[in-house]
Amino acid sequence: MRGETAGWVAVAAVVFAASIACAQAQEAPAAPSTLYLVRADHWSPSDEREYGRFIADIGESGCDTVDACLHDLRNPYRGTDPPGTVFASDCADFPYVLRFYFAWKRGLPFSYVSDVEPRGSGGDLRYDFVGNAVAGRVDVKGGVKSGYAILDEIRDAVSSASYRIHPDLEAPYEQDFYSPKISPKSIRPGTVIYDPNGHLAIVWRVEANGRIRYIDAHPDFTVTRGFYDLRFVRAYPGMGAGFKNWRPQRLIGATRLPDGSYAGGHIVLAANKDIPDFSTEQFYGNGLKPADDGDWDKATFTLNKELLDYYDFVRAEMAGGRLAFDPLSEVADMVDSNCSDLHYRVMAVDLAIQAGLNKLPEPDRLPPNIYGTEGDWETYSTPSRDARLKTAFKELRDDVVRFMAMYHSHDKKLSYRGKDLAADMLKVYERHAARCRVTYTRSDGSKVTPGYEDMRRRLFDMSFDPYQCAERRWGATSGEEFAPCPDNTLKTAWYEAERNLRNQIDRTYEVPMDFTLAELKTPGPGKGVPNPPDTDVIAYLTAQLRPADTAAETGF
């Protein structure tokens, strides 16, 4: 979600103090070395390739905060930033921060959407069903301001609403992105992925098997990694969901100064018709285009005369036209990815604890919507992050079920040469799960280290509410592990009342949720679901084992 001004200034104390100090230093006239200068009138193919390498290196680095990413040794421009510079960004700002930072360091032109307006009835621009239109643009002028000051202005202007634009909409102004063809040449490091539930990510690697890996940032400025899957939903075209490439732009009418830089002029963005790989197939499919946008969900995706699910289609296209699954590698990768997400969650919960949110009383009401909000709740709560995590655990089990069905039907897309897929997947799952340990700090300062399966079993007990103790944030509800939790009776009541919301993996941004405790206790719209989905891979695979394998597993 967007780190609106309120969201990005509310952060852990050390980062906050450093950010303020940096901002205060920027109030003085910009030093010549920090000025944004334009030295080229467009981005060349070489610039775009270098930008892709820049993003790929950040993804490869393993950096876990926006600040760490831009200070990492893999950033070739890190030496140009003065000591003490602190970089901050949430998910919506992150693509813009990285794109402008690269443009600034290489002297490239930059223009961005500064304002959007709803095409529908209004409300929260980040979640409007019909989508938005660009209502204003800013061409960043060279030789006027420090690049750091411009980064601040971009962060203030951009939100996830900036991405929520129909792919065909080009008036009254062009949008910053275009919808690319689903192909390895078009979906590449630097491509942006928009989830209309309010999240943004950036592609940093595409693997040979078609899997797309991304990096993303969060309201607490942490950076995480994952791979493209059902967590990024398809939606009505007006919402602008899916893959986005930066629209080509050219500076015209500028004056070339003696030092080689450009002054003045204005930026013209390429129209859809002039972009060779512009395509709306991710919205309408590659078959007969639906007659109306309202029929977007009837789009069909076909490869080699075979009708595919959209996500399979994307993966097949990115693999060069061949869809193949190695079930053992898939299971290993998904367990490892889920483990990484659990570790990323440690950072998010720790920041809330460090900020002291757990020591504050629960507000009288939930926010208007727990998934799309602002202030402390946006920065320190985790309902959206947790929903994506739960979706990934569910998808792992669903994929295991799918691989078993493909195995039994002798599906040629399954790349497996063993004799007992259930047993082999179970071994891989248990081996990778055993490697995963998650350490968190309890309320008394002691550490506990649950394993992967411990975390999976308590997945829907993990509180997203930042006003609750660390033990509840990690799903401990009783016994020795829970004992240090200081939460009073009222906080306990809130925790119990939020159970159905924790069971829900679908993020419903359009539903009012500003319930009091008494209201939340009564089931109804916006209050979640009574039962969580099944995520138990071990139970499913154990049930699929042949009798001899079951005996070996149990020792009988």
Protein backbone atom coordinates (compact mmCIF):
# COMPACT_ATOMS: atom_id res chain seq x y z
CA MET A 1 0.00 0.00 0.00
CA ARG A 2 0.98 3.56 -0.41
CA GLY A 3 3.27 5.11 2.17
CA GLU A 4 1.39 8.40 2.03
CA THR A 5 3.14 11.22 3.88
CA ALA A 6 1.71 9.97 7.16
CA GLY A 7 2.82 6.45 6.37
CA TRP A 8 6.45 7.02 5.52
CA VAL A 9 7.28 9.42 8.35
CA ALA A 10 5.96 7.03 10.98
CA VAL A 11 8.83 4.53 11.22
CA ALA A 12 11.23 3.02 13.69
CA ALA A 13 13.03 5.68 15.74
CA VAL A 14 16.53 5.31 14.32
CA VAL A 15 15.39 5.42 10.70
CA PHE A 16 13.01 8.28 11.43
CA ALA A 17 15.73 10.37 13.04
CA ALA A 18 18.13 9.73 10.18
CA SER A 19 15.45 10.60 7.60
CA ILE A 20 14.63 13.89 9.33
CA ALA A 21 18.29 14.81 9.57
CA CYS A 22 18.70 14.10 5.87
CA ALA A 23 15.62 16.15 4.99
CA GLN A 24 16.79 19.10 7.09
CA ALA A 25 20.16 19.04 5.35
CA GLN A 26 18.38 19.26 2.01
CA GLU A 27 16.68 22.53 2.93
CA ALA A 28 19.94 24.32 2.20
CA PRO A 29 20.83 25.13 -1.42
CA ALA A 30 21.72 21.95 -3.26
CA ALA A 31 25.41 21.18 -3.56
CA PRO A 32 26.55 20.98 -7.18
CA SER A 33 27.28 17.28 -6.75
CA THR A 34 23.67 16.54 -5.77
CA LEU A 35 21.97 18.52 -8.56
CA TYR A 36 19.82 16.62 -11.00
CA LEU A 37 21.28 17.38 -14.44
CA VAL A 38 19.87 16.16 -17.76
CA ARG A 39 22.62 15.12 -20.18
CA ALA A 40 20.60 13.10 -22.70
CA ASP A 41 17.28 13.82 -24.37
CA HIS A 42 15.99 10.22 -24.12
CA TRP A 43 16.66 6.80 -22.65
CA SER A 44 18.67 4.76 -25.16
CA PRO A 45 18.42 0.95 -25.49
CA SER A 46 21.74 0.82 -23.65
CA ASP A 47 20.29 2.90 -20.79
CA GLU A 48 17.35 0.52 -20.53
CA ARG A 49 19.66 -2.51 -20.48
CA GLU A 50 21.78 -0.90 -17.77
CA TYR A 51 18.66 -0.11 -15.78
CA GLY A 52 17.69 -3.77 -16.00
CA ARG A 53 21.12 -4.76 -14.68
CA PHE A 54 20.79 -2.20 -11.89
CA ILE A 55 17.49 -3.76 -10.79
CA ALA A 56 18.80 -7.31 -11.19
CA ASP A 57 21.81 -6.52 -9.01
CA ILE A 58 19.60 -5.05 -6.29
CA GLY A 59 17.46 -8.18 -6.38
CA GLU A 60 20.51 -10.42 -6.27
CA SER A 61 22.09 -8.48 -3.40
CA GLY A 62 19.75 -9.74 -0.70
CA CYS A 63 19.33 -6.23 0.74
CA ASP A 64 16.42 -6.05 3.19
CA THR A 65 15.61 -2.33 3.37
CA VAL A 66 15.35 0.38 0.73
CA ASP A 67 18.26 2.19 2.36
CA ALA A 68 20.41 -0.96 2.38
CA CYS A 69 19.62 -1.62 -1.28
CA LEU A 70 20.88 1.77 -2.45
CA HIS A 71 23.95 1.59 -0.20
CA ASP A 72 24.78 -1.96 -1.29
CA LEU A 73 28.06 -2.68 -3.02
CA ARG A 74 26.11 -3.76 -6.10
CA ASN A 75 24.83 -0.23 -6.60
CA PRO A 76 27.48 1.34 -8.88
CA TYR A 77 26.35 4.85 -7.89
CA ARG A 78 26.51 4.41 -4.10
CA GLY A 79 29.75 6.42 -3.90
CA THR A 80 28.00 9.55 -5.20
CA ASP A 81 25.68 9.74 -2.19
CA PRO A 82 26.98 11.77 0.80
CA PRO A 83 27.57 9.95 4.09
CA GLY A 84 24.42 9.84 6.22
CA THR A 85 22.01 9.77 3.25
CA VAL A 86 18.96 7.68 4.09
CA PHE A 87 16.61 6.30 1.43
CA ALA A 88 12.99 5.44 2.23
CA SER A 89 10.14 4.08 0.16
CA ASP A 90 7.07 1.92 0.41
CA CYS A 91 5.81 -0.42 -2.33
CA ALA A 92 4.12 2.20 -4.53
CA ASP A 93 7.04 4.62 -4.37
CA PHE A 94 9.71 1.95 -4.86
CA PRO A 95 9.55 1.68 -8.68
CA TYR A 96 9.66 5.48 -8.96
CA VAL A 97 12.47 5.87 -6.44
CA LEU A 98 14.67 3.35 -8.25
CA ARG A 99 13.80 4.66 -11.71
CA PHE A 100 14.44 8.30 -10.83
CA TYR A 101 17.59 7.48 -8.86
CA PHE A 102 19.01 5.74 -11.93
CA ALA A 103 17.88 8.59 -14.22
CA TRP A 104 19.50 11.15 -11.92
CA LYS A 105 22.83 9.34 -11.70
CA ARG A 106 23.01 8.86 -15.47
CA GLY A 107 21.64 12.27 -16.47
CA LEU A 108 18.48 10.96 -18.13
CA PRO A 109 15.15 12.80 -18.54
CA PHE A 110 12.33 12.03 -16.14
CA SER A 111 8.65 12.85 -16.01
CA TYR A 112 6.01 11.42 -13.70
CA VAL A 113 2.31 11.44 -12.90
CA SER A 114 1.72 13.98 -10.15
CA ASP A 115 -2.05 13.67 -9.81
CA VAL A 116 -4.86 11.29 -10.73
CA GLU A 117 -8.62 11.62 -10.55
CA PRO A 118 -11.29 8.91 -10.36
CA ARG A 119 -13.17 7.84 -13.46
CA GLY A 120 -15.93 6.46 -11.27
CA SER A 121 -17.85 7.85 -8.34
CA GLY A 122 -14.76 8.64 -6.31
CA GLY A 123 -13.83 7.41 -2.87
CA ASP A 124 -10.37 6.04 -2.17
CA LEU A 125 -8.41 6.48 -5.40
CA ARG A 126 -6.21 3.50 -4.54
CA TYR A 127 -9.13 1.07 -4.74
CA ASP A 128 -11.69 2.66 -7.07
CA PHE A 129 -13.26 -0.11 -9.18
CA VAL A 130 -13.45 1.86 -12.44
CA GLY A 131 -9.91 3.18 -12.08
CA ASN A 132 -8.31 6.58 -12.50
CA ALA A 133 -7.16 9.03 -15.15
CA VAL A 134 -3.99 11.10 -15.11
CA ALA A 135 -4.86 14.64 -14.03
CA GLY A 136 -1.37 16.13 -13.90
CA ARG A 137 2.25 15.48 -14.79
CA VAL A 138 5.59 16.91 -13.72
CA ASP A 139 8.57 17.17 -16.04
CA VAL A 140 11.60 17.23 -13.75
CA LYS A 141 13.78 20.16 -14.73
CA GLY A 142 17.53 19.76 -14.87
CA GLY A 143 19.93 22.00 -12.96
CA VAL A 144 17.31 23.28 -10.52
CA LYS A 145 17.06 20.96 -7.51
CA SER A 146 18.93 18.33 -5.62
CA GLY A 147 18.05 14.80 -6.64
CA TYR A 148 17.26 14.05 -3.00
CA ALA A 149 14.68 16.83 -2.88
CA ILE A 150 13.12 15.50 -6.09
CA LEU A 151 12.91 12.02 -4.56
CA ASP A 152 10.96 13.52 -1.66
CA GLU A 153 8.57 15.23 -4.07
CA ILE A 154 8.04 12.04 -6.04
CA ARG A 155 7.28 10.07 -2.88
CA ASP A 156 4.74 12.67 -1.82
CA ALA A 157 3.01 12.60 -5.22
CA VAL A 158 2.94 8.87 -5.99
CA SER A 159 0.58 6.27 -4.56
CA SER A 160 -0.80 2.96 -5.75
CA ALA A 161 -3.56 5.08 -7.32
CA SER A 162 -0.94 6.26 -9.84
CA TYR A 163 -0.91 2.75 -11.34
CA ARG A 164 -4.68 2.16 -11.38
CA ILE A 165 -5.27 3.25 -14.98
CA HIS A 166 -6.85 1.48 -17.94
CA PRO A 167 -4.14 0.32 -20.39
CA ASP A 168 -5.84 2.06 -23.34
CA LEU A 169 -6.38 5.39 -21.56
CA GLU A 170 -4.12 8.11 -22.96
CA ALA A 171 -6.10 11.28 -22.22
CA PRO A 172 -5.96 13.88 -20.89
CA TYR A 173 -2.33 12.84 -20.27
CA GLU A 174 -0.28 9.74 -20.94
CA GLN A 175 0.32 7.46 -17.96
CA ASP A 176 3.85 6.58 -16.88
CA PHE A 177 3.57 2.93 -17.91
CA TYR A 178 2.30 0.82 -20.76
CA SER A 179 0.98 -2.73 -20.88
CA PRO A 180 3.63 -5.01 -22.48
CA LYS A 181 3.32 -8.21 -24.42
CA ILE A 182 3.77 -11.33 -22.30
CA SER A 183 7.17 -12.41 -23.60
CA PRO A 184 10.74 -12.78 -22.29
CA LYS A 185 11.80 -9.70 -24.25
CA SER A 186 9.13 -7.52 -22.66
CA ILE A 187 8.81 -8.85 -19.11
CA ARG A 188 12.31 -8.25 -17.80
CA PRO A 189 14.23 -6.81 -14.84
CA GLY A 190 12.66 -3.41 -14.17
CA THR A 191 9.13 -4.38 -15.26
CA VAL A 192 6.61 -3.37 -12.59
CA ILE A 193 3.82 -5.64 -11.33
CA TYR A 194 0.65 -4.04 -9.94
CA ASP A 195 -1.73 -5.94 -7.69
CA PRO A 196 -4.99 -3.93 -7.62
CA ASN A 197 -5.36 -4.92 -3.97
CA GLY A 198 -2.84 -2.16 -3.40
CA HIS A 199 0.62 -3.67 -3.78
CA LEU A 200 3.54 -3.11 -6.18
CA ALA A 201 6.59 -5.16 -7.06
CA ILE A 202 9.47 -5.01 -9.52
CA VAL A 203 10.71 -7.92 -11.63
CA TRP A 204 14.40 -8.58 -10.99
CA ARG A 205 14.89 -11.99 -12.61
CA VAL A 206 13.12 -14.33 -15.00
CA GLU A 207 14.25 -17.93 -14.71
CA ALA A 208 14.60 -20.40 -17.57
CA ASN A 209 11.49 -22.26 -16.42
CA GLY A 210 9.44 -19.06 -16.72
CA ARG A 211 9.24 -18.24 -13.04
CA ILE A 212 9.27 -14.47 -12.45
CA ARG A 213 11.03 -13.24 -9.34
CA TYR A 214 10.34 -9.82 -7.85
CA ILE A 215 11.41 -7.42 -5.13
CA ASP A 216 8.97 -5.22 -3.24
CA ALA A 217 9.01 -2.65 -0.45
CA HIS A 218 6.63 -2.07 2.44
CA PRO A 219 5.37 0.84 4.56
CA ASP A 220 8.11 0.08 7.11
CA PHE A 221 10.71 0.46 4.28
CA THR A 222 11.68 -3.22 4.38
CA VAL A 223 12.37 -4.98 1.08
CA THR A 224 11.26 -8.54 0.40
CA ARG A 225 11.43 -11.02 -2.46
CA GLY A 226 9.02 -13.50 -3.98
CA PHE A 227 7.82 -14.93 -7.25
CA TYR A 228 4.83 -14.01 -9.39
CA ASP A 229 1.76 -16.10 -8.61
CA LEU A 230 -1.86 -15.84 -7.48
CA ARG A 231 -0.92 -13.16 -4.96
CA PHE A 232 -1.07 -10.76 -7.91
CA VAL A 233 -4.66 -10.94 -9.07
CA ARG A 234 -6.11 -10.30 -12.50
CA ALA A 235 -8.91 -7.74 -12.49
CA TYR A 236 -11.16 -5.45 -14.49
CA PRO A 237 -8.98 -3.61 -17.06
CA GLY A 238 -9.78 -0.20 -15.60
CA MET A 239 -7.88 -1.20 -12.48
CA GLY A 240 -4.69 -1.48 -14.54
CA ALA A 241 -3.55 -4.71 -12.89
CA GLY A 242 -0.58 -6.74 -14.04
CA PHE A 243 2.70 -6.04 -15.79
CA LYS A 244 3.81 -2.52 -16.62
CA ASN A 245 6.84 -1.18 -18.45
CA TRP A 246 8.06 2.38 -18.26
CA ARG A 247 6.74 4.40 -21.18
CA PRO A 248 9.47 5.80 -23.50
CA GLN A 249 9.92 9.54 -23.16
CA ARG A 250 11.86 12.20 -25.00
CA LEU A 251 12.92 15.71 -24.02
CA ILE A 252 12.19 18.23 -26.77
CA GLY A 253 12.70 21.98 -27.10
CA ALA A 254 15.52 22.09 -24.54
CA THR A 255 18.65 24.23 -24.74
CA ARG A 256 22.06 22.52 -24.70
CA LEU A 257 24.32 24.35 -22.25
CA PRO A 258 28.13 24.68 -22.55
CA ASP A 259 28.64 21.90 -19.98
CA GLY A 260 26.63 19.52 -22.14
CA SER A 261 23.52 19.46 -19.97
CA TYR A 262 20.02 20.43 -21.09
CA ALA A 263 17.86 23.22 -19.70
CA GLY A 264 14.17 23.83 -20.28
CA GLY A 265 12.07 22.01 -22.81
CA HIS A 266 9.32 19.54 -22.12
CA ILE A 267 8.94 15.78 -22.18
CA VAL A 268 6.79 13.91 -24.67
CA LEU A 269 5.77 10.36 -23.88
CA ALA A 270 5.31 7.70 -26.54
CA ALA A 271 1.74 6.79 -27.46
CA ASN A 272 0.61 3.17 -27.26
CA LYS A 273 0.54 2.87 -31.07
CA ASP A 274 4.22 3.83 -31.24
CA ILE A 275 5.43 1.24 -28.71
CA PRO A 276 6.38 -1.99 -30.53
CA ASP A 277 5.61 -4.35 -27.66
CA PHE A 278 2.47 -2.64 -26.37
CA SER A 279 -0.21 -5.28 -25.89
CA THR A 280 -3.37 -5.76 -23.88
CA GLU A 281 -3.31 -9.57 -24.03
CA GLN A 282 -2.85 -9.79 -20.25
CA PHE A 283 -6.30 -8.16 -19.93
CA TYR A 284 -8.19 -9.63 -22.89
CA GLY A 285 -6.32 -12.84 -23.70
CA ASN A 286 -4.81 -13.88 -27.02
CA GLY A 287 -8.03 -15.19 -28.51
CA LEU A 288 -11.16 -13.32 -29.49
CA LYS A 289 -11.29 -10.10 -27.50
CA PRO A 290 -14.33 -9.86 -25.21
CA ALA A 291 -16.92 -7.43 -26.53
CA ASP A 292 -16.99 -5.45 -23.31
CA ASP A 293 -14.50 -4.69 -20.54
CA GLY A 294 -17.02 -6.15 -18.13
CA ASP A 295 -16.35 -9.54 -19.73
CA TRP A 296 -12.62 -9.39 -19.01
CA ASP A 297 -12.87 -12.61 -16.99
CA LYS A 298 -13.98 -14.44 -20.16
CA ALA A 299 -10.60 -13.84 -21.79
CA THR A 300 -8.91 -16.98 -23.09
CA PHE A 301 -5.21 -17.80 -23.18
CA THR A 302 -4.01 -20.38 -25.68
CA LEU A 303 -0.55 -21.74 -26.36
CA ASN A 304 0.16 -24.33 -29.05
CA LYS A 305 -3.61 -24.77 -29.45
CA GLU A 306 -3.97 -25.64 -25.77
CA LEU A 307 -6.20 -23.53 -23.53
CA LEU A 308 -4.29 -22.51 -20.40
CA ASP A 309 -4.98 -20.82 -17.11
CA TYR A 310 -3.65 -17.24 -17.19
CA TYR A 311 -0.80 -17.89 -14.74
CA ASP A 312 0.25 -21.01 -16.64
CA PHE A 313 0.12 -19.01 -19.86
CA VAL A 314 2.42 -16.34 -18.42
CA ARG A 315 4.86 -18.92 -17.18
CA ALA A 316 4.85 -20.83 -20.46
CA GLU A 317 5.42 -17.70 -22.52
CA MET A 318 8.23 -16.60 -20.23
CA ALA A 319 9.81 -20.04 -20.63
CA GLY A 320 9.90 -19.61 -24.38
CA GLY A 321 6.64 -21.33 -25.21
CA ARG A 322 6.96 -24.49 -23.14
CA LEU A 323 5.11 -25.21 -19.90
CA ALA A 324 6.81 -27.78 -17.69
CA PHE A 325 6.76 -28.39 -13.96
CA ASP A 326 9.44 -30.19 -12.00
CA PRO A 327 7.30 -30.95 -8.94
CA LEU A 328 10.23 -31.58 -6.61
CA SER A 329 11.93 -28.31 -7.49
CA GLU A 330 8.59 -26.49 -7.30
CA VAL A 331 7.90 -27.76 -3.78
CA ALA A 332 11.43 -26.94 -2.63
CA ASP A 333 11.26 -23.42 -4.06
CA MET A 334 7.84 -22.69 -2.57
CA VAL A 335 8.83 -23.89 0.91
CA ASP A 336 12.00 -21.80 0.75
CA SER A 337 10.04 -18.78 -0.47
CA ASN A 338 7.52 -19.13 2.35
CA CYS A 339 10.36 -19.40 4.83
CA SER A 340 11.85 -16.18 3.48
CA ASP A 341 8.48 -14.47 3.85
CA LEU A 342 8.32 -15.57 7.48
CA HIS A 343 11.75 -14.05 8.09
CA TYR A 344 10.68 -10.84 6.39
CA ARG A 345 7.67 -10.76 8.73
CA VAL A 346 10.06 -10.84 11.70
CA MET A 347 11.42 -7.46 10.62
CA ALA A 348 7.93 -6.01 10.23
CA VAL A 349 6.76 -7.16 13.67
CA ASP A 350 10.02 -6.05 15.30
CA LEU A 351 9.56 -2.53 13.94
CA ALA A 352 6.08 -2.33 15.48
CA ILE A 353 7.45 -3.54 18.83
CA GLN A 354 10.38 -1.11 18.68
CA ALA A 355 7.94 1.72 17.98
CA GLY A 356 5.97 0.73 21.10
CA LEU A 357 2.63 0.11 19.38
CA ASN A 358 2.10 -3.01 21.51
CA LYS A 359 2.20 -0.85 24.64
CA LEU A 360 -0.57 1.47 23.45
CA PRO A 361 -4.24 0.76 24.10
CA GLU A 362 -6.37 -0.68 21.32
CA PRO A 363 -8.27 2.06 19.46
CA ASP A 364 -12.04 2.09 19.97
CA ARG A 365 -12.57 0.99 16.37
CA LEU A 366 -10.72 -0.75 13.58
CA PRO A 367 -9.65 1.48 10.67
CA PRO A 368 -12.26 2.12 7.92
CA ASN A 369 -10.61 -0.78 6.10
CA ILE A 370 -7.79 -2.81 7.64
CA TYR A 371 -6.10 -3.38 4.27
CA GLY A 372 -6.14 0.18 2.90
CA THR A 373 -5.43 2.83 5.50
CA GLU A 374 -2.77 5.27 6.71
CA GLY A 375 -0.74 6.33 9.72
CA ASP A 376 0.44 3.85 12.35
CA TRP A 377 -1.92 1.12 11.20
CA GLU A 378 -0.56 1.26 7.64
CA THR A 379 3.04 1.32 8.81
CA TYR A 380 2.93 -1.31 11.54
CA SER A 381 -0.04 -3.64 10.97
CA THR A 382 0.32 -6.67 8.69
CA PRO A 383 -3.11 -7.76 7.36
CA SER A 384 -2.12 -7.40 3.69
CA ARG A 385 1.32 -8.92 4.16
CA ASP A 386 -0.23 -11.79 6.14
CA ALA A 387 -2.92 -12.37 3.51
CA ARG A 388 -0.25 -12.72 0.82
CA LEU A 389 1.70 -15.11 3.06
CA LYS A 390 -1.39 -17.24 3.72
CA THR A 391 -2.18 -17.27 0.01
CA ALA A 392 1.31 -18.60 -0.69
CA PHE A 393 0.95 -21.41 1.86
CA LYS A 394 -2.44 -22.32 0.41
CA GLU A 395 -1.08 -22.23 -3.13
CA LEU A 396 1.71 -24.62 -2.15
CA ARG A 397 -0.83 -27.22 -0.99
CA ASP A 398 -3.01 -26.58 -4.05
CA ASP A 399 -0.03 -27.10 -6.34
CA VAL A 400 0.90 -30.34 -4.61
CA VAL A 401 -2.67 -31.57 -5.20
CA ARG A 402 -2.40 -30.45 -8.81
CA PHE A 403 0.92 -32.24 -9.36
CA MET A 404 -0.59 -35.44 -8.02
CA ALA A 405 -3.50 -35.12 -10.45
CA MET A 406 -1.07 -34.52 -13.33
CA TYR A 407 0.95 -37.54 -12.23
CA HIS A 408 -2.06 -39.83 -12.22
CA SER A 409 -3.24 -38.55 -15.61
CA HIS A 410 0.26 -38.93 -17.13
CA ASP A 411 0.31 -35.23 -18.04
CA LYS A 412 3.33 -34.53 -20.26
CA LYS A 413 3.80 -31.13 -18.65
CA LEU A 414 4.95 -32.84 -15.46
CA SER A 415 8.70 -33.38 -15.49
CA TYR A 416 9.14 -36.29 -13.09
CA ARG A 417 10.85 -39.64 -13.63
CA GLY A 418 10.51 -41.20 -10.20
CA LYS A 419 8.16 -43.99 -9.16
CA ASP A 420 6.28 -42.46 -6.23
CA LEU A 421 5.58 -38.75 -6.52
CA ALA A 422 3.75 -38.43 -3.20
CA ALA A 423 6.65 -39.96 -1.26
CA ASP A 424 9.24 -37.91 -3.12
CA MET A 425 7.38 -34.62 -2.68
CA LEU A 426 6.90 -35.42 1.01
CA LYS A 427 10.64 -35.99 1.47
CA VAL A 428 11.49 -32.73 -0.29
CA TYR A 429 8.87 -30.80 1.68
CA GLU A 430 10.03 -32.16 5.04
CA ARG A 431 13.71 -31.64 4.22
CA HIS A 432 13.27 -27.99 3.27
CA ALA A 433 10.78 -27.33 6.07
CA ALA A 434 13.28 -28.73 8.60
CA ARG A 435 15.85 -26.16 7.48
CA CYS A 436 13.52 -23.27 8.23
CA ARG A 437 13.61 -21.77 11.72
CA VAL A 438 12.08 -18.42 12.61
CA THR A 439 13.37 -16.55 15.66
CA TYR A 440 11.34 -13.80 17.31
CA THR A 441 11.68 -11.85 20.55
CA ARG A 442 9.08 -12.36 23.27
CA SER A 443 7.75 -9.62 25.52
CA ASP A 444 10.34 -10.44 28.23
CA GLY A 445 13.23 -10.12 25.77
CA SER A 446 13.83 -13.86 25.43
CA LYS A 447 14.03 -15.57 22.05
CA VAL A 448 12.01 -18.46 20.72
CA THR A 449 12.60 -20.28 17.45
CA PRO A 450 9.58 -22.11 16.00
CA GLY A 451 10.04 -24.22 12.89
CA TYR A 452 8.31 -24.02 9.53
CA GLU A 453 5.54 -26.46 10.40
CA ASP A 454 5.00 -24.70 13.74
CA MET A 455 4.50 -21.48 11.80
CA ARG A 456 2.19 -23.12 9.29
CA ARG A 457 -0.03 -24.59 12.00
CA ARG A 458 -0.37 -21.22 13.70
CA LEU A 459 -0.57 -19.21 10.47
CA PHE A 460 -4.15 -18.11 11.09
CA ASP A 461 -3.46 -17.38 14.77
CA MET A 462 -0.78 -14.78 13.93
CA SER A 463 -2.18 -11.37 14.80
CA PHE A 464 -1.96 -8.58 12.25
CA ASP A 465 -2.89 -6.06 14.98
CA PRO A 466 0.15 -3.93 15.98
CA TYR A 467 -1.36 -3.09 19.38
CA GLN A 468 -1.00 -6.69 20.55
CA CYS A 469 1.96 -8.45 22.15
CA ALA A 470 4.74 -10.18 20.23
CA GLU A 471 3.50 -13.59 21.27
CA ARG A 472 0.10 -12.99 19.70
CA ARG A 473 1.71 -11.45 16.62
CA TRP A 474 3.37 -14.86 16.19
CA GLY A 475 0.37 -17.01 17.00
CA ALA A 476 1.33 -18.22 20.47
CA THR A 477 -1.90 -18.43 22.41
CA SER A 478 -1.10 -20.46 25.52
CA GLY A 479 1.60 -22.29 27.47
CA GLU A 480 5.16 -21.35 28.26
CA GLU A 481 5.77 -19.49 24.98
CA PHE A 482 2.76 -17.24 25.54
CA ALA A 483 3.41 -16.60 29.26
CA PRO A 484 5.32 -13.27 28.95
CA CYS A 485 2.48 -11.58 26.97
CA PRO A 486 1.23 -8.61 29.03
CA ASP A 487 -1.99 -8.03 27.06
CA ASN A 488 -4.96 -7.19 29.24
CA THR A 489 -8.48 -8.57 29.02
CA LEU A 490 -9.57 -5.95 26.48
CA LYS A 491 -6.72 -6.76 24.10
CA THR A 492 -7.49 -10.44 24.49
CA ALA A 493 -11.09 -9.74 23.52
CA TRP A 494 -9.94 -7.86 20.40
CA TYR A 495 -7.62 -10.74 19.47
CA GLU A 496 -10.45 -13.24 19.71
CA ALA A 497 -12.87 -10.99 17.83
CA GLU A 498 -10.37 -10.59 14.95
CA ARG A 499 -10.15 -14.35 14.39
CA ASN A 500 -12.47 -14.42 11.38
CA LEU A 501 -10.52 -11.58 9.80
CA ARG A 502 -7.34 -13.61 10.24
CA ASN A 503 -9.04 -16.56 8.53
CA GLN A 504 -9.66 -14.47 5.41
CA ILE A 505 -7.03 -14.50 2.67
CA ASP A 506 -8.96 -12.32 0.20
CA ARG A 507 -8.27 -8.63 0.71
CA THR A 508 -11.56 -6.74 0.48
CA TYR A 509 -10.72 -3.08 0.17
CA GLU A 510 -14.20 -1.90 -0.71
CA VAL A 511 -15.85 -3.20 2.49
CA PRO A 512 -16.25 -0.90 5.54
CA MET A 513 -14.46 -2.38 8.56
CA ASP A 514 -14.50 0.36 11.20
CA PHE A 515 -16.11 -1.93 13.76
CA THR A 516 -16.15 -1.51 17.51
CA LEU A 517 -15.27 -4.57 19.55
CA ALA A 518 -18.95 -5.31 20.19
CA GLU A 519 -19.78 -4.98 16.48
CA LEU A 520 -16.89 -7.21 15.42
CA LYS A 521 -18.10 -10.05 17.63
CA THR A 522 -21.23 -10.46 15.50
CA PRO A 523 -20.62 -12.16 12.09
CA GLY A 524 -21.41 -10.08 9.03
CA PRO A 525 -20.00 -8.42 5.88
CA GLY A 526 -16.43 -7.25 6.26
CA LYS A 527 -15.82 -9.37 9.37
CA GLY A 528 -13.97 -12.27 7.77
CA VAL A 529 -14.81 -15.94 7.40
CA PRO A 530 -15.34 -18.64 10.04
CA ASN A 531 -12.81 -21.18 8.76
CA PRO A 532 -9.32 -20.85 7.24
CA PRO A 533 -8.32 -22.73 4.05
CA ASP A 534 -6.33 -25.96 4.24
CA THR A 535 -2.55 -25.51 4.08
CA ASP A 536 -1.47 -28.94 5.39
CA VAL A 537 0.80 -30.48 2.78
CA ILE A 538 2.06 -33.27 5.03
CA ALA A 539 -1.43 -34.54 5.81
CA TYR A 540 -2.41 -34.52 2.15
CA LEU A 541 0.71 -36.28 0.90
CA THR A 542 0.66 -38.83 3.72
CA ALA A 543 -2.87 -39.76 2.65
CA GLN A 544 -1.58 -40.32 -0.91
CA LEU A 545 1.22 -42.70 0.06
CA ARG A 546 1.04 -46.29 -1.05
CA PRO A 547 0.55 -48.83 1.77
CA ALA A 548 4.21 -49.85 1.76
CA ASP A 549 5.31 -46.23 1.96
CA THR A 550 2.87 -45.55 4.79
CA ALA A 551 4.29 -48.44 6.76
CA ALA A 552 7.80 -47.10 6.22
CA GLU A 553 6.72 -43.64 7.36
CA THR A 554 5.03 -44.90 10.52
CA GLY A 555 7.52 -47.66 11.37
CA PHE A 556 4.89 -50.44 11.39
